[in-house]
Protein backbone atom coordinates (compact mmCIF):
# COMPACT_ATOMS: atom_id res chain seq x y z
CA MET A 1 129.37 116.29 105.25
CA THR A 2 129.96 112.61 104.48
CA GLU A 3 132.53 110.73 106.55
CA ARG A 4 134.69 108.25 104.63
CA TYR A 5 135.91 104.93 106.03
CA LEU A 6 137.97 102.02 104.73
CA GLY A 7 135.94 98.84 104.50
CA VAL A 8 137.46 95.38 104.24
CA ILE A 9 138.10 95.83 100.51
CA GLY A 10 139.61 99.29 100.93
CA LEU A 11 141.77 98.11 103.78
CA ALA A 12 142.90 95.07 101.80
CA ASP A 13 143.79 97.27 98.80
CA ALA A 14 145.73 99.69 101.01
CA LEU A 15 147.67 96.80 102.61
CA GLY A 16 148.25 94.91 99.36
CA VAL A 17 146.43 91.78 100.55
CA SER A 18 143.19 90.06 99.69
CA ARG A 19 139.91 90.80 101.43
CA HIS A 20 140.04 87.20 102.62
CA ALA A 21 143.24 87.97 104.51
CA VAL A 22 141.55 90.86 106.33
CA HIS A 23 138.58 88.61 107.24
CA LYS A 24 141.02 85.89 108.38
CA TRP A 25 142.93 88.33 110.56
CA ARG A 26 139.74 89.59 112.17
CA SER A 27 138.60 86.05 113.00
CA ARG A 28 142.02 84.72 114.08
CA TYR A 29 142.91 87.73 116.22
CA PRO A 30 139.75 88.73 118.14
CA ARG A 31 139.77 91.42 120.81
CA ASP A 32 140.52 88.89 123.57
CA SER A 33 143.64 87.47 121.80
CA ASN A 34 147.26 88.31 122.52
CA HIS A 35 147.50 90.33 119.32
CA PRO A 36 143.96 91.67 118.68
CA PHE A 37 143.16 93.10 115.26
CA PRO A 38 142.25 96.83 115.55
CA GLU A 39 138.56 97.22 116.19
CA PRO A 40 136.58 99.04 113.47
CA ASP A 41 135.46 102.59 114.09
CA VAL A 42 132.00 101.93 112.64
CA GLU A 43 129.82 99.02 111.53
CA VAL A 44 127.05 99.45 108.98
CA ASP A 45 124.83 96.42 108.32
CA GLU A 46 127.49 94.23 109.97
CA SER A 47 130.21 95.61 107.64
CA PRO A 48 133.23 97.09 109.48
CA GLY A 49 134.83 100.41 108.66
CA TRP A 50 138.08 102.06 109.82
CA ARG A 51 139.06 105.71 109.59
CA ALA A 52 141.74 106.22 106.94
CA GLU A 53 144.08 107.81 109.48
CA ARG A 54 144.19 104.49 111.36
CA LEU A 55 145.93 102.76 108.46
CA ALA A 56 149.38 103.28 110.03
CA GLU A 57 148.11 101.60 113.22
CA ILE A 58 146.88 98.63 111.23
CA VAL A 59 150.17 98.39 109.35
CA ARG A 60 152.03 98.33 112.72
CA TRP A 61 149.63 95.59 113.86
CA ARG A 62 150.33 93.54 110.72
CA ASP A 63 154.11 94.06 111.12
CA GLY A 64 153.80 92.65 114.63
CA LEU A 65 152.36 89.34 113.45
CA PRO A 66 154.39 86.28 114.47
CA GLY A 67 156.96 85.25 111.85
CA ARG A 68 157.12 88.68 110.17
CA GLY A 69 160.82 89.24 110.85
CA THR A 70 163.52 89.53 108.20
CA GLY A 71 162.96 86.79 105.63
CA GLY A 72 159.76 85.72 107.36
CA GLY A 73 161.53 83.27 109.65
CA ARG A 74 162.09 79.59 109.15
CA PRO A 75 159.24 77.75 107.37
CA SER A 76 157.05 75.67 109.66
CA VAL A 77 157.43 71.92 109.67
CA ALA A 78 154.09 71.67 107.81
CA ARG A 79 155.26 74.08 105.10
CA GLN A 80 158.59 72.24 104.75
CA GLU A 81 156.76 68.94 104.21
CA TYR A 82 154.33 70.59 101.78
CA LEU A 83 157.23 72.04 99.75
CA ARG A 84 159.00 68.67 99.76
CA GLN A 85 155.91 66.89 98.49
CA ALA A 86 155.24 69.61 95.94
CA ALA A 87 158.78 69.22 94.56
CA ILE A 88 158.26 65.46 94.24
CA ARG A 89 155.21 66.28 92.11
CA GLY A 90 157.17 68.63 89.85
CA LEU A 91 156.25 72.04 91.30
CA ASP A 92 159.10 74.47 91.90
CA ARG A 93 159.10 76.52 95.10
CA SER A 94 157.45 79.61 93.59
CA GLU A 95 154.67 77.54 91.97
CA ALA A 96 154.06 75.70 95.24
CA MET A 97 153.96 78.94 97.22
CA ARG A 98 151.53 80.57 94.74
CA ALA A 99 149.28 77.55 95.09
CA LEU A 100 149.48 77.73 98.89
CA VAL A 101 148.64 81.44 98.87
CA THR A 102 145.64 80.76 96.62
CA PHE A 103 144.37 78.01 98.92
CA THR A 104 144.93 80.26 101.94
CA GLU A 105 142.76 82.96 100.35
CA GLU A 106 140.09 80.46 99.30
CA PHE A 107 139.91 78.77 102.72
CA PRO A 108 140.47 81.59 105.25
CA GLU A 109 139.05 79.49 108.07
CA MET A 110 142.03 77.09 107.81
CA THR A 111 145.48 77.87 109.14
CA GLU A 112 148.51 77.40 106.86
CA PRO A 113 149.64 74.27 108.71
CA GLU A 114 146.14 72.78 108.31
CA LEU A 115 146.19 73.57 104.59
CA CYS A 116 149.65 72.09 104.15
CA ALA A 117 148.63 68.89 105.93
CA TRP A 118 145.39 68.69 103.92
CA LEU A 119 147.24 69.13 100.60
CA VAL A 120 149.95 66.62 101.50
CA ASP A 121 147.33 64.12 102.66
CA SER A 122 145.35 64.55 99.43
CA TRP A 123 148.46 63.89 97.36
CA ARG A 124 149.16 60.69 99.27
CA LYS A 125 145.73 59.22 98.46
């Protein structure tokens, strides 16, 4: 009998996020962090897999991320500056946030404040 696991793509689909987000969570929240990402049940050729019944555990983990309260909390100083600079350049809030999400997915090794600072700095040049 074949055992089925959720890989990064399956986990991302189940959570409604990109695979980059799952990779980012795993690297930002290692087992020795204050909020470690749930360890995989299996690894095959360095690809992680989680049992499907652990999805609820992973959802609880995600819901416990900082800033995940009602309304997501107050935007960081970096995001506020990014949104201010985006508005000056003619982007409305939803356009600016879509762009930020895209950059976050494309550069998972960077934190959101780092991305905001990088974008603002690039606009000022």
